Amino acid sequence: MADQEIGTVAQYFSKAGVAAIELTGSIKVGDNIHIKGHTTDLTQTVSSMQIDKNVVKEASGGDAVGIKVNDRVRPGDKVYKL
């Protein structure tokens, strides 16, 4: 099964280790994601997610979410659900 593109990184907050992602598809806590860009190649499980500083279990297209990431990501990186 091919990876499904579900969004784009809008911003990265290095102190918090959080990526702000503009979603075009749905995602939930526990999903495995792959963030890929020019110099980024990160695969991880979504452990926590927030919308407007409120913890959520799932989000869908049109939402802007903050996801804790294990490494640096960059604006413009594509986010795929595995």
C-alpha atoms as a PDB file:
ATOM      1  CA  MET A   1       0.000   0.000   0.000  1.00  0.00           C
ATOM      2  CA  ALA A   2       1.378   3.405  -0.977  1.00  0.00           C
ATOM      3  CA  ASP A   3       1.833   6.160   1.574  1.00  0.00           C
ATOM      4  CA  GLN A   4      -1.084   8.583   1.668  1.00  0.00           C
ATOM      5  CA  GLU A   5      -0.207  12.296   1.774  1.00  0.00           C
ATOM      6  CA  ILE A   6      -2.154  13.887   4.627  1.00  0.00           C
ATOM      7  CA  GLY A   7      -0.595  17.319   5.032  1.00  0.00           C
ATOM      8  CA  THR A   8       2.300  19.754   4.994  1.00  0.00           C
ATOM      9  CA  VAL A   9       4.521  21.081   7.773  1.00  0.00           C
ATOM     10  CA  ALA A  10       3.714  24.782   8.280  1.00  0.00           C
ATOM     11  CA  GLN A  11       6.161  25.513  11.103  1.00  0.00           C
ATOM     12  CA  TYR A  12       8.610  23.808  13.448  1.00  0.00           C
ATOM     13  CA  PHE A  13       9.098  24.806  17.093  1.00  0.00           C
ATOM     14  CA  SER A  14      12.580  23.617  18.040  1.00  0.00           C
ATOM     15  CA  LYS A  15      12.367  24.239  21.809  1.00  0.00           C
ATOM     16  CA  ALA A  16       9.171  22.190  22.108  1.00  0.00           C
ATOM     17  CA  GLY A  17      10.080  19.716  19.351  1.00  0.00           C
ATOM     18  CA  VAL A  18       6.662  20.237  17.776  1.00  0.00           C
ATOM     19  CA  ALA A  19       5.646  20.435  14.126  1.00  0.00           C
ATOM     20  CA  ALA A  20       2.620  22.523  13.133  1.00  0.00           C
ATOM     21  CA  ILE A  21       0.929  20.601  10.315  1.00  0.00           C
ATOM     22  CA  GLU A  22      -1.824  21.781   7.965  1.00  0.00           C
ATOM     23  CA  LEU A  23      -3.880  18.645   7.301  1.00  0.00           C
ATOM     24  CA  THR A  24      -5.490  17.628   4.014  1.00  0.00           C
ATOM     25  CA  GLY A  25      -6.358  14.146   5.320  1.00  0.00           C
ATOM     26  CA  SER A  26      -7.231  12.507   8.627  1.00  0.00           C
ATOM     27  CA  ILE A  27      -4.839  11.388  11.357  1.00  0.00           C
ATOM     28  CA  LYS A  28      -5.171   9.977  14.859  1.00  0.00           C
ATOM     29  CA  VAL A  29      -2.927   9.222  17.816  1.00  0.00           C
ATOM     30  CA  GLY A  30      -1.222   5.878  17.207  1.00  0.00           C
ATOM     31  CA  ASP A  31      -0.914   6.343  13.430  1.00  0.00           C
ATOM     32  CA  ASN A  32       2.516   5.913  11.867  1.00  0.00           C
ATOM     33  CA  ILE A  33       3.601   8.916   9.820  1.00  0.00           C
ATOM     34  CA  HIS A  34       6.464   9.698   7.456  1.00  0.00           C
ATOM     35  CA  ILE A  35       7.652  13.305   7.112  1.00  0.00           C
ATOM     36  CA  LYS A  36       9.675  13.791   3.937  1.00  0.00           C
ATOM     37  CA  GLY A  37      11.352  16.874   2.539  1.00  0.00           C
ATOM     38  CA  HIS A  38      14.484  18.085   0.808  1.00  0.00           C
ATOM     39  CA  THR A  39      16.661  17.253   3.842  1.00  0.00           C
ATOM     40  CA  THR A  40      14.056  15.583   6.073  1.00  0.00           C
ATOM     41  CA  ASP A  41      13.250  11.866   6.258  1.00  0.00           C
ATOM     42  CA  LEU A  42      11.518  10.976   9.528  1.00  0.00           C
ATOM     43  CA  THR A  43       9.210   8.061  10.349  1.00  0.00           C
ATOM     44  CA  GLN A  44       7.469   7.844  13.716  1.00  0.00           C
ATOM     45  CA  THR A  45       4.257   7.033  15.571  1.00  0.00           C
ATOM     46  CA  VAL A  46       1.995   9.939  16.558  1.00  0.00           C
ATOM     47  CA  SER A  47       2.180   9.964  20.370  1.00  0.00           C
ATOM     48  CA  SER A  48       0.399  13.257  21.081  1.00  0.00           C
ATOM     49  CA  MET A  49      -1.486  15.840  19.075  1.00  0.00           C
ATOM     50  CA  GLN A  50      -3.030  19.227  19.829  1.00  0.00           C
ATOM     51  CA  ILE A  51      -5.365  21.696  18.158  1.00  0.00           C
ATOM     52  CA  ASP A  52      -5.231  25.231  19.627  1.00  0.00           C
ATOM     53  CA  LYS A  53      -3.396  23.874  22.719  1.00  0.00           C
ATOM     54  CA  ASN A  54      -6.158  21.317  23.383  1.00  0.00           C
ATOM     55  CA  VAL A  55      -5.171  17.648  23.346  1.00  0.00           C
ATOM     56  CA  VAL A  56      -7.069  15.692  20.687  1.00  0.00           C
ATOM     57  CA  LYS A  57      -7.103  12.020  19.686  1.00  0.00           C
ATOM     58  CA  GLU A  58      -7.852  12.598  16.002  1.00  0.00           C
ATOM     59  CA  ALA A  59      -8.045  15.364  13.411  1.00  0.00           C
ATOM     60  CA  SER A  60      -9.151  15.661   9.795  1.00  0.00           C
ATOM     61  CA  GLY A  61      -8.512  17.673   6.639  1.00  0.00           C
ATOM     62  CA  GLY A  62      -8.635  21.424   7.196  1.00  0.00           C
ATOM     63  CA  ASP A  63      -7.356  21.185  10.779  1.00  0.00           C
ATOM     64  CA  ALA A  64      -4.026  22.646  11.870  1.00  0.00           C
ATOM     65  CA  VAL A  65      -2.423  20.335  14.441  1.00  0.00           C
ATOM     66  CA  GLY A  66       0.690  20.342  16.561  1.00  0.00           C
ATOM     67  CA  ILE A  67       2.471  16.984  16.714  1.00  0.00           C
ATOM     68  CA  LYS A  68       5.472  16.140  18.881  1.00  0.00           C
ATOM     69  CA  VAL A  69       8.263  14.987  16.545  1.00  0.00           C
ATOM     70  CA  ASN A  70      11.467  13.069  17.270  1.00  0.00           C
ATOM     71  CA  ASP A  71      13.703  15.178  15.023  1.00  0.00           C
ATOM     72  CA  ARG A  72      13.845  18.531  13.252  1.00  0.00           C
ATOM     73  CA  VAL A  73      11.399  19.053  10.381  1.00  0.00           C
ATOM     74  CA  ARG A  74      11.086  22.009   8.039  1.00  0.00           C
ATOM     75  CA  PRO A  75       8.224  24.099   6.648  1.00  0.00           C
ATOM     76  CA  GLY A  76       7.077  22.649   3.345  1.00  0.00           C
ATOM     77  CA  ASP A  77       7.921  19.033   4.264  1.00  0.00           C
ATOM     78  CA  LYS A  78       5.168  16.625   3.202  1.00  0.00           C
ATOM     79  CA  VAL A  79       3.452  14.392   5.783  1.00  0.00           C
ATOM     80  CA  TYR A  80       2.317  10.895   4.826  1.00  0.00           C
ATOM     81  CA  LYS A  81       0.289   8.314   6.742  1.00  0.00           C
ATOM     82  CA  LEU A  82       1.798   4.828   6.498  1.00  0.00           C
END
